[in-house]
PDB file of all heavy atoms in Angstrom:
ATOM      1  N   GLY A   1     203.156  44.702 132.345  1.00  0.00           N
ATOM      2  CA  GLY A   1     204.402  44.065 131.947  1.00  0.00           C
ATOM      3  C   GLY A   1     205.602  44.702 132.595  1.00  0.00           C
ATOM      4  O   GLY A   1     205.533  45.800 133.151  1.00  0.00           O
ATOM      5  N   ASN A   2     206.775  44.042 132.511  1.00  0.00           N
ATOM      6  CA  ASN A   2     207.984  44.519 133.157  1.00  0.00           C
ATOM      7  C   ASN A   2     208.905  45.316 132.225  1.00  0.00           C
ATOM      8  O   ASN A   2     209.967  45.740 132.664  1.00  0.00           O
ATOM      9  CB  ASN A   2     208.763  43.342 133.763  1.00  0.00           C
ATOM     10  CG  ASN A   2     209.259  42.350 132.735  1.00  0.00           C
ATOM     11  OD1 ASN A   2     209.079  42.538 131.521  1.00  0.00           O
ATOM     12  ND2 ASN A   2     209.895  41.326 133.184  1.00  0.00           N
ATOM     13  N   LEU A   3     208.536  45.498 130.982  1.00  0.00           N
ATOM     14  CA  LEU A   3     209.372  46.259 130.050  1.00  0.00           C
ATOM     15  C   LEU A   3     209.245  47.739 130.313  1.00  0.00           C
ATOM     16  O   LEU A   3     208.143  48.276 130.404  1.00  0.00           O
ATOM     17  CB  LEU A   3     208.926  45.950 128.601  1.00  0.00           C
ATOM     18  CG  LEU A   3     209.742  46.651 127.508  1.00  0.00           C
ATOM     19  CD1 LEU A   3     211.181  46.112 127.529  1.00  0.00           C
ATOM     20  CD2 LEU A   3     209.120  46.412 126.165  1.00  0.00           C
ATOM     21  N   GLY A   4     210.391  48.399 130.452  1.00  0.00           N
ATOM     22  CA  GLY A   4     210.395  49.876 130.661  1.00  0.00           C
ATOM     23  C   GLY A   4     210.067  50.650 129.406  1.00  0.00           C
ATOM     24  O   GLY A   4     210.103  50.120 128.303  1.00  0.00           O
ATOM     25  N   ILE A   5     209.790  51.922 129.594  1.00  0.00           N
ATOM     26  CA  ILE A   5     209.487  52.767 128.473  1.00  0.00           C
ATOM     27  C   ILE A   5     210.769  53.122 127.729  1.00  0.00           C
ATOM     28  O   ILE A   5     211.824  53.263 128.328  1.00  0.00           O
ATOM     29  CB  ILE A   5     208.712  54.029 128.930  1.00  0.00           C
ATOM     30  CG1 ILE A   5     208.138  54.784 127.741  1.00  0.00           C
ATOM     31  CG2 ILE A   5     209.594  54.965 129.794  1.00  0.00           C
ATOM     32  CD1 ILE A   5     207.128  55.822 128.101  1.00  0.00           C
ATOM     33  N   ASN A   6     210.705  53.190 126.419  1.00  0.00           N
ATOM     34  CA  ASN A   6     211.864  53.517 125.552  1.00  0.00           C
ATOM     35  C   ASN A   6     213.043  52.605 125.838  1.00  0.00           C
ATOM     36  O   ASN A   6     214.181  53.045 125.963  1.00  0.00           O
ATOM     37  CB  ASN A   6     212.293  54.986 125.701  1.00  0.00           C
ATOM     38  CG  ASN A   6     211.191  55.920 125.247  1.00  0.00           C
ATOM     39  OD1 ASN A   6     210.409  55.598 124.375  1.00  0.00           O
ATOM     40  ND2 ASN A   6     211.157  57.101 125.832  1.00  0.00           N
ATOM     41  N   ALA A   7     212.825  51.303 125.925  1.00  0.00           N
ATOM     42  CA  ALA A   7     213.862  50.349 126.285  1.00  0.00           C
ATOM     43  C   ALA A   7     214.761  49.964 125.125  1.00  0.00           C
ATOM     44  O   ALA A   7     215.850  49.466 125.362  1.00  0.00           O
ATOM     45  CB  ALA A   7     213.193  49.083 126.842  1.00  0.00           C
ATOM     46  N   PHE A   8     214.359  50.217 123.869  1.00  0.00           N
ATOM     47  CA  PHE A   8     215.153  49.795 122.752  1.00  0.00           C
ATOM     48  C   PHE A   8     215.380  50.947 121.759  1.00  0.00           C
ATOM     49  O   PHE A   8     214.556  51.896 121.704  1.00  0.00           O
ATOM     50  CB  PHE A   8     214.491  48.647 121.993  1.00  0.00           C
ATOM     51  CG  PHE A   8     214.219  47.489 122.870  1.00  0.00           C
ATOM     52  CD1 PHE A   8     212.942  47.193 123.271  1.00  0.00           C
ATOM     53  CD2 PHE A   8     215.269  46.661 123.296  1.00  0.00           C
ATOM     54  CE1 PHE A   8     212.691  46.127 124.125  1.00  0.00           C
ATOM     55  CE2 PHE A   8     215.005  45.584 124.123  1.00  0.00           C
ATOM     56  CZ  PHE A   8     213.729  45.321 124.529  1.00  0.00           C
ATOM     57  N   LYS A   9     216.431  50.863 120.979  1.00  0.00           N
ATOM     58  CA  LYS A   9     216.726  51.873 119.929  1.00  0.00           C
ATOM     59  C   LYS A   9     216.357  51.304 118.583  1.00  0.00           C
ATOM     60  O   LYS A   9     216.575  50.126 118.326  1.00  0.00           O
ATOM     61  CB  LYS A   9     218.178  52.255 119.962  1.00  0.00           C
ATOM     62  CG  LYS A   9     218.557  53.031 121.193  1.00  0.00           C
ATOM     63  CD  LYS A   9     219.994  53.514 121.089  1.00  0.00           C
ATOM     64  CE  LYS A   9     220.338  54.332 122.336  1.00  0.00           C
ATOM     65  NZ  LYS A   9     221.669  54.895 122.232  1.00  0.00           N
ATOM     66  N   GLY A  10     215.845  52.167 117.742  1.00  0.00           N
ATOM     67  CA  GLY A  10     215.509  51.775 116.373  1.00  0.00           C
ATOM     68  C   GLY A  10     216.748  51.887 115.476  1.00  0.00           C
ATOM     69  O   GLY A  10     217.855  52.126 115.934  1.00  0.00           O
ATOM     70  N   PRO A  11     216.563  51.735 114.159  1.00  0.00           N
ATOM     71  CA  PRO A  11     217.675  51.756 113.223  1.00  0.00           C
ATOM     72  C   PRO A  11     218.387  53.122 113.123  1.00  0.00           C
ATOM     73  O   PRO A  11     219.520  53.171 112.730  1.00  0.00           O
ATOM     74  CB  PRO A  11     217.055  51.420 111.875  1.00  0.00           C
ATOM     75  CG  PRO A  11     215.711  50.801 112.198  1.00  0.00           C
ATOM     76  CD  PRO A  11     215.313  51.355 113.532  1.00  0.00           C
ATOM     77  N   GLY A  12     217.706  54.210 113.480  1.00  0.00           N
ATOM     78  CA  GLY A  12     218.340  55.504 113.427  1.00  0.00           C
ATOM     79  C   GLY A  12     218.156  56.187 112.063  1.00  0.00           C
ATOM     80  O   GLY A  12     217.659  55.579 111.109  1.00  0.00           O
ATOM     81  N   TYR A  13     218.610  57.426 112.014  1.00  0.00           N
ATOM     82  CA  TYR A  13     218.480  58.221 110.784  1.00  0.00           C
ATOM     83  C   TYR A  13     219.795  58.923 110.526  1.00  0.00           C
ATOM     84  O   TYR A  13     220.396  59.495 111.410  1.00  0.00           O
ATOM     85  CB  TYR A  13     217.350  59.240 110.962  1.00  0.00           C
ATOM     86  CG  TYR A  13     217.219  60.181 109.785  1.00  0.00           C
ATOM     87  CD1 TYR A  13     216.564  59.783 108.630  1.00  0.00           C
ATOM     88  CD2 TYR A  13     217.762  61.441 109.826  1.00  0.00           C
ATOM     89  CE1 TYR A  13     216.427  60.643 107.556  1.00  0.00           C
ATOM     90  CE2 TYR A  13     217.601  62.302 108.766  1.00  0.00           C
ATOM     91  CZ  TYR A  13     216.962  61.900 107.602  1.00  0.00           C
ATOM     92  OH  TYR A  13     216.862  62.743 106.558  1.00  0.00           O
ATOM     93  N   LEU A  14     220.220  58.874 109.258  1.00  0.00           N
ATOM     94  CA  LEU A  14     221.402  59.631 108.842  1.00  0.00           C
ATOM     95  C   LEU A  14     221.051  60.243 107.526  1.00  0.00           C
ATOM     96  O   LEU A  14     220.811  59.544 106.540  1.00  0.00           O
ATOM     97  CB  LEU A  14     222.626  58.731 108.706  1.00  0.00           C
ATOM     98  CG  LEU A  14     223.867  59.392 108.188  1.00  0.00           C
ATOM     99  CD1 LEU A  14     224.382  60.414 109.181  1.00  0.00           C
ATOM    100  CD2 LEU A  14     224.924  58.360 107.880  1.00  0.00           C
ATOM    101  N   GLY A  15     220.954  61.570 107.502  1.00  0.00           N
ATOM    102  CA  GLY A  15     220.613  62.268 106.256  1.00  0.00           C
ATOM    103  C   GLY A  15     221.634  63.300 105.912  1.00  0.00           C
ATOM    104  O   GLY A  15     222.313  63.873 106.767  1.00  0.00           O
ATOM    105  N   PHE A  16     221.768  63.545 104.616  1.00  0.00           N
ATOM    106  CA  PHE A  16     222.668  64.590 104.128  1.00  0.00           C
ATOM    107  C   PHE A  16     221.913  65.396 103.095  1.00  0.00           C
ATOM    108  O   PHE A  16     221.596  64.894 102.017  1.00  0.00           O
ATOM    109  CB  PHE A  16     223.923  63.944 103.505  1.00  0.00           C
ATOM    110  CG  PHE A  16     224.976  64.951 103.093  1.00  0.00           C
ATOM    111  CD1 PHE A  16     225.665  65.641 104.027  1.00  0.00           C
ATOM    112  CD2 PHE A  16     225.194  65.190 101.743  1.00  0.00           C
ATOM    113  CE1 PHE A  16     226.636  66.570 103.637  1.00  0.00           C
ATOM    114  CE2 PHE A  16     226.139  66.102 101.350  1.00  0.00           C
ATOM    115  CZ  PHE A  16     226.863  66.792 102.281  1.00  0.00           C
ATOM    116  N   ASP A  17     221.526  66.600 103.472  1.00  0.00           N
ATOM    117  CA  ASP A  17     220.748  67.479 102.612  1.00  0.00           C
ATOM    118  C   ASP A  17     221.623  68.653 102.172  1.00  0.00           C
ATOM    119  O   ASP A  17     222.421  69.189 102.938  1.00  0.00           O
ATOM    120  CB  ASP A  17     219.534  68.034 103.369  1.00  0.00           C
ATOM    121  CG  ASP A  17     218.602  66.941 103.905  1.00  0.00           C
ATOM    122  OD1 ASP A  17     218.685  65.815 103.376  1.00  0.00           O
ATOM    123  OD2 ASP A  17     217.888  67.191 104.878  1.00  0.00           O
ATOM    124  N   VAL A  18     221.461  69.077 100.910  1.00  0.00           N
ATOM    125  CA  VAL A  18     222.226  70.209 100.379  1.00  0.00           C
ATOM    126  C   VAL A  18     221.293  71.134  99.605  1.00  0.00           C
ATOM    127  O   VAL A  18     220.254  70.736  99.097  1.00  0.00           O
ATOM    128  CB  VAL A  18     223.359  69.746  99.462  1.00  0.00           C
ATOM    129  CG1 VAL A  18     224.421  68.968 100.238  1.00  0.00           C
ATOM    130  CG2 VAL A  18     222.896  68.943  98.300  1.00  0.00           C
ATOM    131  N   ALA A  19     221.728  72.408  99.529  1.00  0.00           N
ATOM    132  CA  ALA A  19     220.985  73.384  98.747  1.00  0.00           C
ATOM    133  C   ALA A  19     221.988  74.377  98.142  1.00  0.00           C
ATOM    134  O   ALA A  19     222.987  74.735  98.798  1.00  0.00           O
ATOM    135  CB  ALA A  19     219.962  74.130  99.605  1.00  0.00           C
ATOM    136  N   VAL A  20     221.755  74.731  96.895  1.00  0.00           N
ATOM    137  CA  VAL A  20     222.596  75.702  96.210  1.00  0.00           C
ATOM    138  C   VAL A  20     221.685  76.770  95.614  1.00  0.00           C
ATOM    139  O   VAL A  20     220.706  76.440  94.955  1.00  0.00           O
ATOM    140  CB  VAL A  20     223.429  75.025  95.091  1.00  0.00           C
ATOM    141  CG1 VAL A  20     224.237  76.031  94.295  1.00  0.00           C
ATOM    142  CG2 VAL A  20     224.348  73.949  95.630  1.00  0.00           C
ATOM    143  N   VAL A  21     222.036  78.029  95.883  1.00  0.00           N
ATOM    144  CA  VAL A  21     221.243  79.157  95.359  1.00  0.00           C
ATOM    145  C   VAL A  21     222.180  80.114  94.639  1.00  0.00           C
ATOM    146  O   VAL A  21     223.240  80.416  95.117  1.00  0.00           O
ATOM    147  CB  VAL A  21     220.528  79.910  96.499  1.00  0.00           C
ATOM    148  CG1 VAL A  21     219.716  81.069  95.932  1.00  0.00           C
ATOM    149  CG2 VAL A  21     219.620  78.954  97.244  1.00  0.00           C
ATOM    150  N   ARG A  22     221.740  80.557  93.467  1.00  0.00           N
ATOM    151  CA  ARG A  22     222.548  81.515  92.725  1.00  0.00           C
ATOM    152  C   ARG A  22     221.605  82.549  92.095  1.00  0.00           C
ATOM    153  O   ARG A  22     220.605  82.192  91.509  1.00  0.00           O
ATOM    154  CB  ARG A  22     223.313  80.768  91.608  1.00  0.00           C
ATOM    155  CG  ARG A  22     224.076  81.620  90.660  1.00  0.00           C
ATOM    156  CD  ARG A  22     225.261  82.250  91.315  1.00  0.00           C
ATOM    157  NE  ARG A  22     225.749  83.305  90.463  1.00  0.00           N
ATOM    158  CZ  ARG A  22     227.018  83.584  90.240  1.00  0.00           C
ATOM    159  NH1 ARG A  22     227.919  82.847  90.834  1.00  0.00           N
ATOM    160  NH2 ARG A  22     227.362  84.533  89.461  1.00  0.00           N
ATOM    161  N   SER A  23     221.965  83.829  92.267  1.00  0.00           N
ATOM    162  CA  SER A  23     221.171  84.937  91.688  1.00  0.00           C
ATOM    163  C   SER A  23     221.928  85.542  90.507  1.00  0.00           C
ATOM    164  O   SER A  23     223.155  85.757  90.583  1.00  0.00           O
ATOM    165  CB  SER A  23     220.914  86.028  92.739  1.00  0.00           C
ATOM    166  OG  SER A  23     220.074  85.549  93.742  1.00  0.00           O
ATOM    167  N   PHE A  24     221.195  85.814  89.437  1.00  0.00           N
ATOM    168  CA  PHE A  24     221.742  86.443  88.248  1.00  0.00           C
ATOM    169  C   PHE A  24     221.029  87.770  88.039  1.00  0.00           C
ATOM    170  O   PHE A  24     219.847  87.802  87.715  1.00  0.00           O
ATOM    171  CB  PHE A  24     221.561  85.542  87.030  1.00  0.00           C
ATOM    172  CG  PHE A  24     222.187  84.180  87.174  1.00  0.00           C
ATOM    173  CD1 PHE A  24     221.440  83.103  87.582  1.00  0.00           C
ATOM    174  CD2 PHE A  24     223.532  84.004  86.909  1.00  0.00           C
ATOM    175  CE1 PHE A  24     221.988  81.853  87.716  1.00  0.00           C
ATOM    176  CE2 PHE A  24     224.104  82.765  87.053  1.00  0.00           C
ATOM    177  CZ  PHE A  24     223.348  81.700  87.453  1.00  0.00           C
ATOM    178  N   PRO A  25     221.741  88.903  88.150  1.00  0.00           N
ATOM    179  CA  PRO A  25     221.079  90.212  87.898  1.00  0.00           C
ATOM    180  C   PRO A  25     220.802  90.382  86.397  1.00  0.00           C
ATOM    181  O   PRO A  25     221.640  90.043  85.547  1.00  0.00           O
ATOM    182  CB  PRO A  25     222.080  91.230  88.387  1.00  0.00           C
ATOM    183  CG  PRO A  25     223.392  90.507  88.426  1.00  0.00           C
ATOM    184  CD  PRO A  25     223.133  89.052  88.579  1.00  0.00           C
ATOM    185  N   ILE A  26     219.650  90.901  86.092  1.00  0.00           N
ATOM    186  CA  ILE A  26     219.263  91.117  84.695  1.00  0.00           C
ATOM    187  C   ILE A  26     219.252  92.620  84.410  1.00  0.00           C
ATOM    188  O   ILE A  26     219.960  93.088  83.518  1.00  0.00           O
ATOM    189  CB  ILE A  26     217.848  90.526  84.403  1.00  0.00           C
ATOM    190  CG1 ILE A  26     217.941  89.007  84.579  1.00  0.00           C
ATOM    191  CG2 ILE A  26     217.406  90.874  83.015  1.00  0.00           C
ATOM    192  CD1 ILE A  26     216.622  88.298  84.431  1.00  0.00           C
ATOM    193  N   ARG A  27     218.517  93.378  85.236  1.00  0.00           N
ATOM    194  CA  ARG A  27     218.503  94.832  85.160  1.00  0.00           C
ATOM    195  C   ARG A  27     218.584  95.329  86.597  1.00  0.00           C
ATOM    196  O   ARG A  27     218.758  94.579  87.530  1.00  0.00           O
ATOM    197  CB  ARG A  27     217.240  95.292  84.473  1.00  0.00           C
ATOM    198  CG  ARG A  27     217.201  94.913  83.019  1.00  0.00           C
ATOM    199  CD  ARG A  27     216.196  95.753  82.286  1.00  0.00           C
ATOM    200  NE  ARG A  27     216.282  95.432  80.869  1.00  0.00           N
ATOM    201  CZ  ARG A  27     215.339  95.447  80.022  1.00  0.00           C
ATOM    202  NH1 ARG A  27     214.140  95.798  80.438  1.00  0.00           N
ATOM    203  NH2 ARG A  27     215.512  95.167  78.778  1.00  0.00           N
ATOM    204  N   GLU A  28     218.394  96.657  86.739  1.00  0.00           N
ATOM    205  CA  GLU A  28     218.566  97.267  88.064  1.00  0.00           C
ATOM    206  C   GLU A  28     217.651  96.649  89.114  1.00  0.00           C
ATOM    207  O   GLU A  28     218.067  96.344  90.235  1.00  0.00           O
ATOM    208  CB  GLU A  28     218.303  98.757  87.973  1.00  0.00           C
ATOM    209  CG  GLU A  28     218.581  99.479  89.246  1.00  0.00           C
ATOM    210  CD  GLU A  28     218.396 100.988  89.090  1.00  0.00           C
ATOM    211  OE1 GLU A  28     218.726 101.532  88.048  1.00  0.00           O
ATOM    212  OE2 GLU A  28     217.904 101.593  90.059  1.00  0.00           O
ATOM    213  N   ARG A  29     216.394  96.392  88.792  1.00  0.00           N
ATOM    214  CA  ARG A  29     215.411  95.850  89.724  1.00  0.00           C
ATOM    215  C   ARG A  29     214.937  94.461  89.397  1.00  0.00           C
ATOM    216  O   ARG A  29     213.959  93.970  89.949  1.00  0.00           O
ATOM    217  CB  ARG A  29     214.218  96.784  89.822  1.00  0.00           C
ATOM    218  CG  ARG A  29     214.532  98.099  90.446  1.00  0.00           C
ATOM    219  CD  ARG A  29     213.271  98.907  90.545  1.00  0.00           C
ATOM    220  NE  ARG A  29     213.372  99.931  91.564  1.00  0.00           N
ATOM    221  CZ  ARG A  29     212.383 100.595  92.026  1.00  0.00           C
ATOM    222  NH1 ARG A  29     211.160 100.374  91.606  1.00  0.00           N
ATOM    223  NH2 ARG A  29     212.576 101.538  92.912  1.00  0.00           N
ATOM    224  N   GLN A  30     215.594  93.795  88.511  1.00  0.00           N
ATOM    225  CA  GLN A  30     215.196  92.467  88.106  1.00  0.00           C
ATOM    226  C   GLN A  30     216.334  91.486  88.259  1.00  0.00           C
ATOM    227  O   GLN A  30     217.494  91.825  87.963  1.00  0.00           O
ATOM    228  CB  GLN A  30     214.758  92.445  86.634  1.00  0.00           C
ATOM    229  CG  GLN A  30     213.562  93.350  86.353  1.00  0.00           C
ATOM    230  CD  GLN A  30     213.247  93.428  84.877  1.00  0.00           C
ATOM    231  OE1 GLN A  30     214.073  93.086  84.030  1.00  0.00           O
ATOM    232  NE2 GLN A  30     212.071  93.893  84.543  1.00  0.00           N
ATOM    233  N   LYS A  31     216.030  90.313  88.703  1.00  0.00           N
ATOM    234  CA  LYS A  31     217.021  89.274  88.809  1.00  0.00           C
ATOM    235  C   LYS A  31     216.391  87.923  88.671  1.00  0.00           C
ATOM    236  O   LYS A  31     215.177  87.723  88.919  1.00  0.00           O
ATOM    237  CB  LYS A  31     217.838  89.387  90.083  1.00  0.00           C
ATOM    238  CG  LYS A  31     217.105  89.125  91.339  1.00  0.00           C
ATOM    239  CD  LYS A  31     218.069  89.253  92.518  1.00  0.00           C
ATOM    240  CE  LYS A  31     217.305  89.118  93.826  1.00  0.00           C
ATOM    241  NZ  LYS A  31     218.161  89.192  94.993  1.00  0.00           N
ATOM    242  N   LEU A  32     217.173  86.976  88.268  1.00  0.00           N
ATOM    243  CA  LEU A  32     216.747  85.621  88.109  1.00  0.00           C
ATOM    244  C   LEU A  32     217.475  84.778  89.157  1.00  0.00           C
ATOM    245  O   LEU A  32     218.675  84.884  89.320  1.00  0.00           O
ATOM    246  CB  LEU A  32     217.119  85.114  86.694  1.00  0.00           C
ATOM    247  CG  LEU A  32     216.510  83.831  86.200  1.00  0.00           C
ATOM    248  CD1 LEU A  32     214.989  83.939  86.123  1.00  0.00           C
ATOM    249  CD2 LEU A  32     217.039  83.469  84.889  1.00  0.00           C
ATOM    250  N   GLU A  33     216.714  83.962  89.897  1.00  0.00           N
ATOM    251  CA  GLU A  33     217.285  83.174  90.964  1.00  0.00           C
ATOM    252  C   GLU A  33     217.123  81.693  90.624  1.00  0.00           C
ATOM    253  O   GLU A  33     216.008  81.246  90.371  1.00  0.00           O
ATOM    254  CB  GLU A  33     216.625  83.510  92.273  1.00  0.00           C
ATOM    255  CG  GLU A  33     217.214  82.812  93.472  1.00  0.00           C
ATOM    256  CD  GLU A  33     216.520  83.222  94.754  1.00  0.00           C
ATOM    257  OE1 GLU A  33     216.813  84.305  95.279  1.00  0.00           O
ATOM    258  OE2 GLU A  33     215.646  82.441  95.224  1.00  0.00           O
ATOM    259  N   PHE A  34     218.205  80.969  90.711  1.00  0.00           N
ATOM    260  CA  PHE A  34     218.177  79.508  90.469  1.00  0.00           C
ATOM    261  C   PHE A  34     218.458  78.828  91.808  1.00  0.00           C
ATOM    262  O   PHE A  34     219.346  79.192  92.563  1.00  0.00           O
ATOM    263  CB  PHE A  34     219.252  79.106  89.447  1.00  0.00           C
ATOM    264  CG  PHE A  34     219.396  77.616  89.318  1.00  0.00           C
ATOM    265  CD1 PHE A  34     218.467  76.914  88.627  1.00  0.00           C
ATOM    266  CD2 PHE A  34     220.476  76.974  89.877  1.00  0.00           C
ATOM    267  CE1 PHE A  34     218.600  75.526  88.479  1.00  0.00           C
ATOM    268  CE2 PHE A  34     220.646  75.603  89.752  1.00  0.00           C
ATOM    269  CZ  PHE A  34     219.679  74.883  89.060  1.00  0.00           C
ATOM    270  N   ARG A  35     217.705  77.759  92.097  1.00  0.00           N
ATOM    271  CA  ARG A  35     217.879  77.043  93.367  1.00  0.00           C
ATOM    272  C   ARG A  35     217.784  75.540  93.069  1.00  0.00           C
ATOM    273  O   ARG A  35     216.909  75.056  92.356  1.00  0.00           O
ATOM    274  CB  ARG A  35     216.761  77.453  94.333  1.00  0.00           C
ATOM    275  CG  ARG A  35     216.840  76.769  95.660  1.00  0.00           C
ATOM    276  CD  ARG A  35     215.763  77.289  96.611  1.00  0.00           C
ATOM    277  NE  ARG A  35     215.989  76.837  97.957  1.00  0.00           N
ATOM    278  CZ  ARG A  35     216.665  77.490  98.862  1.00  0.00           C
ATOM    279  NH1 ARG A  35     217.182  78.679  98.557  1.00  0.00           N
ATOM    280  NH2 ARG A  35     216.858  77.029 100.064  1.00  0.00           N
ATOM    281  N   ALA A  36     218.770  74.806  93.617  1.00  0.00           N
ATOM    282  CA  ALA A  36     218.797  73.336  93.525  1.00  0.00           C
ATOM    283  C   ALA A  36     218.879  72.766  94.946  1.00  0.00           C
ATOM    284  O   ALA A  36     219.715  73.245  95.733  1.00  0.00           O
ATOM    285  CB  ALA A  36     219.960  72.864  92.675  1.00  0.00           C
ATOM    286  N   GLU A  37     218.038  71.817  95.274  1.00  0.00           N
ATOM    287  CA  GLU A  37     218.014  71.218  96.612  1.00  0.00           C
ATOM    288  C   GLU A  37     217.989  69.700  96.454  1.00  0.00           C
ATOM    289  O   GLU A  37     217.371  69.171  95.559  1.00  0.00           O
ATOM    290  CB  GLU A  37     216.767  71.636  97.402  1.00  0.00           C
ATOM    291  CG  GLU A  37     216.681  73.127  97.647  1.00  0.00           C
ATOM    292  CD  GLU A  37     215.369  73.549  98.287  1.00  0.00           C
ATOM    293  OE1 GLU A  37     214.363  72.883  98.049  1.00  0.00           O
ATOM    294  OE2 GLU A  37     215.415  74.545  99.034  1.00  0.00           O
ATOM    295  N   GLY A  38     218.705  69.070  97.372  1.00  0.00           N
ATOM    296  CA  GLY A  38     218.751  67.626  97.420  1.00  0.00           C
ATOM    297  C   GLY A  38     218.568  67.122  98.843  1.00  0.00           C
ATOM    298  O   GLY A  38     219.211  67.666  99.756  1.00  0.00           O
TER     299      GLY A  38
END
């Protein structure tokens, strides 16, 4: 056939990803970590 390789573009991708991390100290060697990701 006469069609070249990669001749057309698809719909594309647009993403927005986020992450939030927070650490809470409990004692000298202990901590609690909360993480939220979207």
